[in-house]
Amino acid sequence: MGFSSELCSPQGHGAVQQMQEAELRLLEGMRKWMAQRVKSDREYAGLLHHMSLQDSGGQSRSSGLDSPISQSWAEITSQTEGLSRVLRQHAEDLN
């Protein structure tokens, strides 16, 4: 075991200890970053959902629901709602 015999010195032990401390700091930073990412994704998903709910009332009042513009708008709002569901699910998966 050449690796372990090289680390039997005080310098080797100190080097391993410094590396482990650096990795712990990195992991703590990653934990904080992921928690913020989950929070941000949840908020964004909620805003997208709210936008699609606001539009659903306006869509039912509009005339000419078969027009290309109306169909395009319905697709955009449908895709927005789908995106909000995906983001919400990914946030839950990350949590």
PDB file of N, CA and C in Angstrom:
ATOM      1  N   MET A   1       0.827  -1.175   0.000  1.00  0.00           N
ATOM      2  CA  MET A   1       0.000   0.000   0.000  1.00  0.00           C
ATOM      3  C   MET A   1       0.877   1.246   0.000  1.00  0.00           C
ATOM      4  N   GLY A   2       1.345   1.649  -1.137  1.00  0.00           N
ATOM      5  CA  GLY A   2       2.191   2.819  -1.240  1.00  0.00           C
ATOM      6  C   GLY A   2       1.480   4.097  -0.849  1.00  0.00           C
ATOM      7  N   PHE A   3       0.211   4.185  -1.150  1.00  0.00           N
ATOM      8  CA  PHE A   3      -0.533   5.407  -0.853  1.00  0.00           C
ATOM      9  C   PHE A   3      -0.602   5.652   0.649  1.00  0.00           C
ATOM     10  N   SER A   4      -0.972   4.639   1.405  1.00  0.00           N
ATOM     11  CA  SER A   4      -1.115   4.833   2.846  1.00  0.00           C
ATOM     12  C   SER A   4       0.233   5.036   3.528  1.00  0.00           C
ATOM     13  N   SER A   5       1.285   4.393   3.046  1.00  0.00           N
ATOM     14  CA  SER A   5       2.587   4.567   3.686  1.00  0.00           C
ATOM     15  C   SER A   5       3.127   5.974   3.448  1.00  0.00           C
ATOM     16  N   GLU A   6       2.771   6.598   2.327  1.00  0.00           N
ATOM     17  CA  GLU A   6       3.225   7.962   2.068  1.00  0.00           C
ATOM     18  C   GLU A   6       2.485   8.975   2.943  1.00  0.00           C
ATOM     19  N   LEU A   7       1.328   8.604   3.437  1.00  0.00           N
ATOM     20  CA  LEU A   7       0.543   9.532   4.241  1.00  0.00           C
ATOM     21  C   LEU A   7       0.733   9.324   5.737  1.00  0.00           C
ATOM     22  N   CYS A   8       1.664   8.504   6.126  1.00  0.00           N
ATOM     23  CA  CYS A   8       1.894   8.251   7.551  1.00  0.00           C
ATOM     24  C   CYS A   8       2.671   9.374   8.224  1.00  0.00           C
ATOM     25  N   SER A   9       3.146  10.323   7.468  1.00  0.00           N
ATOM     26  CA  SER A   9       3.902  11.438   8.055  1.00  0.00           C
ATOM     27  C   SER A   9       2.935  12.537   8.502  1.00  0.00           C
ATOM     28  N   PRO A  10       3.389  13.415   9.369  1.00  0.00           N
ATOM     29  CA  PRO A  10       2.540  14.542   9.782  1.00  0.00           C
ATOM     30  C   PRO A  10       2.128  15.427   8.593  1.00  0.00           C
ATOM     31  N   GLN A  11       3.031  15.589   7.624  1.00  0.00           N
ATOM     32  CA  GLN A  11       2.694  16.395   6.450  1.00  0.00           C
ATOM     33  C   GLN A  11       1.591  15.725   5.630  1.00  0.00           C
ATOM     34  N   GLY A  12       1.673  14.422   5.486  1.00  0.00           N
ATOM     35  CA  GLY A  12       0.649  13.681   4.748  1.00  0.00           C
ATOM     36  C   GLY A  12      -0.699  13.760   5.438  1.00  0.00           C
ATOM     37  N   HIS A  13      -0.666  13.597   6.756  1.00  0.00           N
ATOM     38  CA  HIS A  13      -1.910  13.689   7.524  1.00  0.00           C
ATOM     39  C   HIS A  13      -2.522  15.088   7.389  1.00  0.00           C
ATOM     40  N   GLY A  14      -1.697  16.107   7.472  1.00  0.00           N
ATOM     41  CA  GLY A  14      -2.175  17.485   7.334  1.00  0.00           C
ATOM     42  C   GLY A  14      -2.758  17.747   5.953  1.00  0.00           C
ATOM     43  N   ALA A  15      -2.126  17.186   4.923  1.00  0.00           N
ATOM     44  CA  ALA A  15      -2.626  17.376   3.556  1.00  0.00           C
ATOM     45  C   ALA A  15      -3.997  16.733   3.381  1.00  0.00           C
ATOM     46  N   VAL A  16      -4.150  15.522   3.918  1.00  0.00           N
ATOM     47  CA  VAL A  16      -5.446  14.838   3.822  1.00  0.00           C
ATOM     48  C   VAL A  16      -6.506  15.612   4.597  1.00  0.00           C
ATOM     49  N   GLN A  17      -6.138  16.093   5.761  1.00  0.00           N
ATOM     50  CA  GLN A  17      -7.078  16.851   6.584  1.00  0.00           C
ATOM     51  C   GLN A  17      -7.514  18.142   5.878  1.00  0.00           C
ATOM     52  N   GLN A  18      -6.585  18.845   5.246  1.00  0.00           N
ATOM     53  CA  GLN A  18      -6.927  20.064   4.512  1.00  0.00           C
ATOM     54  C   GLN A  18      -7.859  19.756   3.341  1.00  0.00           C
ATOM     55  N   MET A  19      -7.583  18.660   2.658  1.00  0.00           N
ATOM     56  CA  MET A  19      -8.428  18.283   1.530  1.00  0.00           C
ATOM     57  C   MET A  19      -9.843  17.954   2.008  1.00  0.00           C
ATOM     58  N   GLN A  20      -9.953  17.232   3.113  1.00  0.00           N
ATOM     59  CA  GLN A  20     -11.271  16.895   3.643  1.00  0.00           C
ATOM     60  C   GLN A  20     -12.026  18.143   4.097  1.00  0.00           C
ATOM     61  N   GLU A  21     -11.345  19.076   4.709  1.00  0.00           N
ATOM     62  CA  GLU A  21     -11.987  20.317   5.135  1.00  0.00           C
ATOM     63  C   GLU A  21     -12.469  21.122   3.928  1.00  0.00           C
ATOM     64  N   ALA A  22     -11.663  21.151   2.866  1.00  0.00           N
ATOM     65  CA  ALA A  22     -12.068  21.861   1.646  1.00  0.00           C
ATOM     66  C   ALA A  22     -13.291  21.192   1.021  1.00  0.00           C
ATOM     67  N   GLU A  23     -13.320  19.868   1.035  1.00  0.00           N
ATOM     68  CA  GLU A  23     -14.473  19.151   0.485  1.00  0.00           C
ATOM     69  C   GLU A  23     -15.725  19.401   1.317  1.00  0.00           C
ATOM     70  N   LEU A  24     -15.588  19.471   2.634  1.00  0.00           N
ATOM     71  CA  LEU A  24     -16.736  19.778   3.494  1.00  0.00           C
ATOM     72  C   LEU A  24     -17.276  21.180   3.215  1.00  0.00           C
ATOM     73  N   ARG A  25     -16.369  22.148   3.019  1.00  0.00           N
ATOM     74  CA  ARG A  25     -16.816  23.509   2.680  1.00  0.00           C
ATOM     75  C   ARG A  25     -17.536  23.513   1.335  1.00  0.00           C
ATOM     76  N   LEU A  26     -17.018  22.766   0.372  1.00  0.00           N
ATOM     77  CA  LEU A  26     -17.659  22.669  -0.934  1.00  0.00           C
ATOM     78  C   LEU A  26     -19.045  22.046  -0.814  1.00  0.00           C
ATOM     79  N   LEU A  27     -19.153  20.966  -0.051  1.00  0.00           N
ATOM     80  CA  LEU A  27     -20.452  20.316   0.137  1.00  0.00           C
ATOM     81  C   LEU A  27     -21.452  21.240   0.819  1.00  0.00           C
ATOM     82  N   GLU A  28     -21.003  22.017   1.779  1.00  0.00           N
ATOM     83  CA  GLU A  28     -21.893  22.967   2.450  1.00  0.00           C
ATOM     84  C   GLU A  28     -22.360  24.038   1.468  1.00  0.00           C
ATOM     85  N   GLY A  29     -21.451  24.520   0.640  1.00  0.00           N
ATOM     86  CA  GLY A  29     -21.833  25.486  -0.392  1.00  0.00           C
ATOM     87  C   GLY A  29     -22.824  24.895  -1.377  1.00  0.00           C
ATOM     88  N   MET A  30     -22.615  23.647  -1.757  1.00  0.00           N
ATOM     89  CA  MET A  30     -23.538  22.966  -2.668  1.00  0.00           C
ATOM     90  C   MET A  30     -24.911  22.806  -2.029  1.00  0.00           C
ATOM     91  N   ARG A  31     -24.939  22.476  -0.746  1.00  0.00           N
ATOM     92  CA  ARG A  31     -26.217  22.314  -0.042  1.00  0.00           C
ATOM     93  C   ARG A  31     -26.998  23.627  -0.040  1.00  0.00           C
ATOM     94  N   LYS A  32     -26.320  24.723   0.267  1.00  0.00           N
ATOM     95  CA  LYS A  32     -26.987  26.026   0.280  1.00  0.00           C
ATOM     96  C   LYS A  32     -27.468  26.404  -1.117  1.00  0.00           C
ATOM     97  N   TRP A  33     -26.643  26.144  -2.125  1.00  0.00           N
ATOM     98  CA  TRP A  33     -27.004  26.477  -3.501  1.00  0.00           C
ATOM     99  C   TRP A  33     -28.229  25.684  -3.942  1.00  0.00           C
ATOM    100  N   MET A  34     -28.254  24.390  -3.625  1.00  0.00           N
ATOM    101  CA  MET A  34     -29.388  23.552  -4.023  1.00  0.00           C
ATOM    102  C   MET A  34     -30.662  23.971  -3.292  1.00  0.00           C
ATOM    103  N   ALA A  35     -30.548  24.350  -2.031  1.00  0.00           N
ATOM    104  CA  ALA A  35     -31.729  24.814  -1.294  1.00  0.00           C
ATOM    105  C   ALA A  35     -32.289  26.079  -1.943  1.00  0.00           C
ATOM    106  N   GLN A  36     -31.403  26.987  -2.352  1.00  0.00           N
ATOM    107  CA  GLN A  36     -31.853  28.205  -3.027  1.00  0.00           C
ATOM    108  C   GLN A  36     -32.457  27.874  -4.388  1.00  0.00           C
ATOM    109  N   ARG A  37     -31.877  26.903  -5.079  1.00  0.00           N
ATOM    110  CA  ARG A  37     -32.404  26.494  -6.389  1.00  0.00           C
ATOM    111  C   ARG A  37     -33.816  25.929  -6.251  1.00  0.00           C
ATOM    112  N   VAL A  38     -34.037  25.097  -5.248  1.00  0.00           N
ATOM    113  CA  VAL A  38     -35.369  24.532  -5.009  1.00  0.00           C
ATOM    114  C   VAL A  38     -36.360  25.653  -4.716  1.00  0.00           C
ATOM    115  N   LYS A  39     -35.968  26.583  -3.859  1.00  0.00           N
ATOM    116  CA  LYS A  39     -36.852  27.700  -3.515  1.00  0.00           C
ATOM    117  C   LYS A  39     -37.182  28.523  -4.760  1.00  0.00           C
ATOM    118  N   SER A  40     -36.179  28.834  -5.558  1.00  0.00           N
ATOM    119  CA  SER A  40     -36.395  29.636  -6.764  1.00  0.00           C
ATOM    120  C   SER A  40     -37.274  28.910  -7.770  1.00  0.00           C
ATOM    121  N   ASP A  41     -37.033  27.618  -7.966  1.00  0.00           N
ATOM    122  CA  ASP A  41     -37.842  26.845  -8.910  1.00  0.00           C
ATOM    123  C   ASP A  41     -39.296  26.777  -8.461  1.00  0.00           C
ATOM    124  N   ARG A  42     -39.521  26.613  -7.159  1.00  0.00           N
ATOM    125  CA  ARG A  42     -40.898  26.587  -6.643  1.00  0.00           C
ATOM    126  C   ARG A  42     -41.598  27.921  -6.876  1.00  0.00           C
ATOM    127  N   GLU A  43     -40.896  29.008  -6.588  1.00  0.00           N
ATOM    128  CA  GLU A  43     -41.488  30.332  -6.789  1.00  0.00           C
ATOM    129  C   GLU A  43     -41.801  30.568  -8.263  1.00  0.00           C
ATOM    130  N   TYR A  44     -40.866  30.217  -9.133  1.00  0.00           N
ATOM    131  CA  TYR A  44     -41.066  30.416 -10.568  1.00  0.00           C
ATOM    132  C   TYR A  44     -42.229  29.564 -11.068  1.00  0.00           C
ATOM    133  N   ALA A  45     -42.308  28.320 -10.615  1.00  0.00           N
ATOM    134  CA  ALA A  45     -43.420  27.443 -11.010  1.00  0.00           C
ATOM    135  C   ALA A  45     -44.748  28.029 -10.550  1.00  0.00           C
ATOM    136  N   GLY A  46     -44.772  28.572  -9.347  1.00  0.00           N
ATOM    137  CA  GLY A  46     -45.995  29.190  -8.842  1.00  0.00           C
ATOM    138  C   GLY A  46     -46.409  30.401  -9.665  1.00  0.00           C
ATOM    139  N   LEU A  47     -45.434  31.215 -10.062  1.00  0.00           N
ATOM    140  CA  LEU A  47     -45.739  32.383 -10.889  1.00  0.00           C
ATOM    141  C   LEU A  47     -46.257  31.970 -12.265  1.00  0.00           C
ATOM    142  N   LEU A  48     -45.641  30.954 -12.862  1.00  0.00           N
ATOM    143  CA  LEU A  48     -46.118  30.472 -14.164  1.00  0.00           C
ATOM    144  C   LEU A  48     -47.538  29.931 -14.054  1.00  0.00           C
ATOM    145  N   HIS A  49     -47.802  29.189 -12.984  1.00  0.00           N
ATOM    146  CA  HIS A  49     -49.141  28.637 -12.775  1.00  0.00           C
ATOM    147  C   HIS A  49     -50.153  29.771 -12.617  1.00  0.00           C
ATOM    148  N   HIS A  50     -49.791  30.775 -11.851  1.00  0.00           N
ATOM    149  CA  HIS A  50     -50.678  31.920 -11.640  1.00  0.00           C
ATOM    150  C   HIS A  50     -50.964  32.629 -12.967  1.00  0.00           C
ATOM    151  N   MET A  51     -49.943  32.772 -13.806  1.00  0.00           N
ATOM    152  CA  MET A  51     -50.139  33.399 -15.119  1.00  0.00           C
ATOM    153  C   MET A  51     -51.124  32.608 -15.966  1.00  0.00           C
ATOM    154  N   SER A  52     -50.984  31.293 -15.960  1.00  0.00           N
ATOM    155  CA  SER A  52     -51.883  30.480 -16.788  1.00  0.00           C
ATOM    156  C   SER A  52     -53.305  30.504 -16.238  1.00  0.00           C
ATOM    157  N   LEU A  53     -53.460  30.612 -14.912  1.00  0.00           N
ATOM    158  CA  LEU A  53     -54.800  30.724 -14.328  1.00  0.00           C
ATOM    159  C   LEU A  53     -55.449  32.056 -14.689  1.00  0.00           C
ATOM    160  N   GLN A  54     -54.667  33.113 -14.694  1.00  0.00           N
ATOM    161  CA  GLN A  54     -55.198  34.422 -15.064  1.00  0.00           C
ATOM    162  C   GLN A  54     -55.704  34.405 -16.498  1.00  0.00           C
ATOM    163  N   ASP A  55     -54.993  33.736 -17.375  1.00  0.00           N
ATOM    164  CA  ASP A  55     -55.384  33.723 -18.778  1.00  0.00           C
ATOM    165  C   ASP A  55     -56.596  32.848 -19.030  1.00  0.00           C
ATOM    166  N   SER A  56     -56.764  31.796 -18.257  1.00  0.00           N
ATOM    167  CA  SER A  56     -57.868  30.876 -18.541  1.00  0.00           C
ATOM    168  C   SER A  56     -59.214  31.578 -18.461  1.00  0.00           C
ATOM    169  N   GLY A  57     -59.348  32.582 -17.607  1.00  0.00           N
ATOM    170  CA  GLY A  57     -60.588  33.349 -17.546  1.00  0.00           C
ATOM    171  C   GLY A  57     -60.763  34.227 -18.768  1.00  0.00           C
ATOM    172  N   GLY A  58     -59.701  34.842 -19.239  1.00  0.00           N
ATOM    173  CA  GLY A  58     -59.781  35.698 -20.413  1.00  0.00           C
ATOM    174  C   GLY A  58     -60.031  34.925 -21.680  1.00  0.00           C
ATOM    175  N   GLN A  59     -59.558  33.724 -21.735  1.00  0.00           N
ATOM    176  CA  GLN A  59     -59.722  32.913 -22.939  1.00  0.00           C
ATOM    177  C   GLN A  59     -61.177  32.524 -23.139  1.00  0.00           C
ATOM    178  N   SER A  60     -61.884  32.241 -22.063  1.00  0.00           N
ATOM    179  CA  SER A  60     -63.274  31.816 -22.199  1.00  0.00           C
ATOM    180  C   SER A  60     -64.173  32.968 -22.629  1.00  0.00           C
ATOM    181  N   ARG A  61     -63.748  34.209 -22.358  1.00  0.00           N
ATOM    182  CA  ARG A  61     -64.548  35.369 -22.733  1.00  0.00           C
ATOM    183  C   ARG A  61     -64.277  35.821 -24.163  1.00  0.00           C
ATOM    184  N   SER A  62     -63.162  35.397 -24.739  1.00  0.00           N
ATOM    185  CA  SER A  62     -62.816  35.882 -26.074  1.00  0.00           C
ATOM    186  C   SER A  62     -63.657  35.189 -27.132  1.00  0.00           C
ATOM    187  N   SER A  63     -63.874  35.920 -28.222  1.00  0.00           N
ATOM    188  CA  SER A  63     -64.653  35.338 -29.315  1.00  0.00           C
ATOM    189  C   SER A  63     -63.697  34.800 -30.364  1.00  0.00           C
ATOM    190  N   GLY A  64     -64.210  33.955 -31.228  1.00  0.00           N
ATOM    191  CA  GLY A  64     -63.384  33.391 -32.294  1.00  0.00           C
ATOM    192  C   GLY A  64     -62.341  32.429 -31.780  1.00  0.00           C
ATOM    193  N   LEU A  65     -62.742  31.475 -30.980  1.00  0.00           N
ATOM    194  CA  LEU A  65     -61.787  30.545 -30.373  1.00  0.00           C
ATOM    195  C   LEU A  65     -61.093  29.657 -31.396  1.00  0.00           C
ATOM    196  N   ASP A  66     -61.599  29.640 -32.624  1.00  0.00           N
ATOM    197  CA  ASP A  66     -60.976  28.798 -33.639  1.00  0.00           C
ATOM    198  C   ASP A  66     -59.976  29.561 -34.492  1.00  0.00           C
ATOM    199  N   SER A  67     -59.736  30.819 -34.194  1.00  0.00           N
ATOM    200  CA  SER A  67     -58.781  31.589 -34.990  1.00  0.00           C
ATOM    201  C   SER A  67     -57.366  31.091 -34.709  1.00  0.00           C
ATOM    202  N   PRO A  68     -56.463  31.236 -35.675  1.00  0.00           N
ATOM    203  CA  PRO A  68     -55.072  30.802 -35.462  1.00  0.00           C
ATOM    204  C   PRO A  68     -54.404  31.507 -34.278  1.00  0.00           C
ATOM    205  N   ILE A  69     -54.706  32.776 -34.097  1.00  0.00           N
ATOM    206  CA  ILE A  69     -54.101  33.508 -32.974  1.00  0.00           C
ATOM    207  C   ILE A  69     -54.599  32.948 -31.653  1.00  0.00           C
ATOM    208  N   SER A  70     -55.897  32.688 -31.578  1.00  0.00           N
ATOM    209  CA  SER A  70     -56.473  32.126 -30.358  1.00  0.00           C
ATOM    210  C   SER A  70     -55.909  30.734 -30.081  1.00  0.00           C
ATOM    211  N   GLN A  71     -55.756  29.943 -31.123  1.00  0.00           N
ATOM    212  CA  GLN A  71     -55.188  28.601 -30.957  1.00  0.00           C
ATOM    213  C   GLN A  71     -53.734  28.687 -30.503  1.00  0.00           C
ATOM    214  N   SER A  72     -52.986  29.628 -31.072  1.00  0.00           N
ATOM    215  CA  SER A  72     -51.586  29.808 -30.660  1.00  0.00           C
ATOM    216  C   SER A  72     -51.500  30.221 -29.197  1.00  0.00           C
ATOM    217  N   TRP A  73     -52.374  31.144 -28.810  1.00  0.00           N
ATOM    218  CA  TRP A  73     -52.365  31.600 -27.420  1.00  0.00           C
ATOM    219  C   TRP A  73     -52.737  30.468 -26.468  1.00  0.00           C
ATOM    220  N   ALA A  74     -53.705  29.658 -26.866  1.00  0.00           N
ATOM    221  CA  ALA A  74     -54.091  28.513 -26.037  1.00  0.00           C
ATOM    222  C   ALA A  74     -52.912  27.553 -25.883  1.00  0.00           C
ATOM    223  N   GLU A  75     -52.150  27.361 -26.951  1.00  0.00           N
ATOM    224  CA  GLU A  75     -50.977  26.478 -26.880  1.00  0.00           C
ATOM    225  C   GLU A  75     -49.902  27.072 -25.971  1.00  0.00           C
ATOM    226  N   ILE A  76     -49.687  28.367 -26.076  1.00  0.00           N
ATOM    227  CA  ILE A  76     -48.686  29.021 -25.220  1.00  0.00           C
ATOM    228  C   ILE A  76     -49.061  28.869 -23.748  1.00  0.00           C
ATOM    229  N   THR A  77     -50.317  29.121 -23.421  1.00  0.00           N
ATOM    230  CA  THR A  77     -50.726  29.004 -22.014  1.00  0.00           C
ATOM    231  C   THR A  77     -50.689  27.554 -21.549  1.00  0.00           C
ATOM    232  N   SER A  78     -51.018  26.636 -22.439  1.00  0.00           N
ATOM    233  CA  SER A  78     -50.948  25.217 -22.088  1.00  0.00           C
ATOM    234  C   SER A  78     -49.500  24.803 -21.818  1.00  0.00           C
ATOM    235  N   GLN A  79     -48.586  25.249 -22.669  1.00  0.00           N
ATOM    236  CA  GLN A  79     -47.168  24.933 -22.478  1.00  0.00           C
ATOM    237  C   GLN A  79     -46.628  25.593 -21.206  1.00  0.00           C
ATOM    238  N   THR A  80     -47.099  26.785 -20.904  1.00  0.00           N
ATOM    239  CA  THR A  80     -46.673  27.467 -19.679  1.00  0.00           C
ATOM    240  C   THR A  80     -47.119  26.685 -18.449  1.00  0.00           C
ATOM    241  N   GLU A  81     -48.352  26.210 -18.471  1.00  0.00           N
ATOM    242  CA  GLU A  81     -48.849  25.407 -17.347  1.00  0.00           C
ATOM    243  C   GLU A  81     -48.057  24.106 -17.233  1.00  0.00           C
ATOM    244  N   GLY A  82     -47.767  23.484 -18.369  1.00  0.00           N
ATOM    245  CA  GLY A  82     -46.961  22.259 -18.344  1.00  0.00           C
ATOM    246  C   GLY A  82     -45.574  22.509 -17.775  1.00  0.00           C
ATOM    247  N   LEU A  83     -44.964  23.628 -18.170  1.00  0.00           N
ATOM    248  CA  LEU A  83     -43.648  23.981 -17.644  1.00  0.00           C
ATOM    249  C   LEU A  83     -43.703  24.200 -16.137  1.00  0.00           C
ATOM    250  N   SER A  84     -44.764  24.829 -15.658  1.00  0.00           N
ATOM    251  CA  SER A  84     -44.875  25.051 -14.211  1.00  0.00           C
ATOM    252  C   SER A  84     -44.977  23.723 -13.466  1.00  0.00           C
ATOM    253  N   ARG A  85     -45.693  22.758 -14.033  1.00  0.00           N
ATOM    254  CA  ARG A  85     -45.793  21.434 -13.387  1.00  0.00           C
ATOM    255  C   ARG A  85     -44.433  20.736 -13.366  1.00  0.00           C
ATOM    256  N   VAL A  86     -43.706  20.810 -14.487  1.00  0.00           N
ATOM    257  CA  VAL A  86     -42.385  20.168 -14.555  1.00  0.00           C
ATOM    258  C   VAL A  86     -41.433  20.807 -13.550  1.00  0.00           C
ATOM    259  N   LEU A  87     -41.411  22.127 -13.498  1.00  0.00           N
ATOM    260  CA  LEU A  87     -40.534  22.815 -12.545  1.00  0.00           C
ATOM    261  C   LEU A  87     -40.885  22.466 -11.105  1.00  0.00           C
ATOM    262  N   ARG A  88     -42.168  22.428 -10.803  1.00  0.00           N
ATOM    263  CA  ARG A  88     -42.597  22.077  -9.445  1.00  0.00           C
ATOM    264  C   ARG A  88     -42.147  20.660  -9.094  1.00  0.00           C
ATOM    265  N   GLN A  89     -42.306  19.729 -10.031  1.00  0.00           N
ATOM    266  CA  GLN A  89     -41.903  18.344  -9.781  1.00  0.00           C
ATOM    267  C   GLN A  89     -40.388  18.236  -9.607  1.00  0.00           C
ATOM    268  N   HIS A  90     -39.629  18.946 -10.442  1.00  0.00           N
ATOM    269  CA  HIS A  90     -38.170  18.911 -10.311  1.00  0.00           C
ATOM    270  C   HIS A  90     -37.726  19.507  -8.980  1.00  0.00           C
ATOM    271  N   ALA A  91     -38.398  20.563  -8.547  1.00  0.00           N
ATOM    272  CA  ALA A  91     -38.060  21.154  -7.247  1.00  0.00           C
ATOM    273  C   ALA A  91     -38.320  20.159  -6.124  1.00  0.00           C
ATOM    274  N   GLU A  92     -39.423  19.429  -6.215  1.00  0.00           N
ATOM    275  CA  GLU A  92     -39.717  18.413  -5.197  1.00  0.00           C
ATOM    276  C   GLU A  92     -38.687  17.286  -5.250  1.00  0.00           C
ATOM    277  N   ASP A  93     -38.274  16.908  -6.462  1.00  0.00           N
ATOM    278  CA  ASP A  93     -37.275  15.850  -6.600  1.00  0.00           C
ATOM    279  C   ASP A  93     -35.930  16.277  -6.017  1.00  0.00           C
ATOM    280  N   LEU A  94     -35.573  17.547  -6.190  1.00  0.00           N
ATOM    281  CA  LEU A  94     -34.309  18.050  -5.646  1.00  0.00           C
ATOM    282  C   LEU A  94     -34.347  18.164  -4.132  1.00  0.00           C
ATOM    283  N   ASN A  95     -35.531  18.373  -3.602  1.00  0.00           N
ATOM    284  CA  ASN A  95     -35.680  18.537  -2.167  1.00  0.00           C
ATOM    285  C   ASN A  95     -35.562  17.193  -1.526  1.00  0.00           C
TER     286      ASN A  95
END
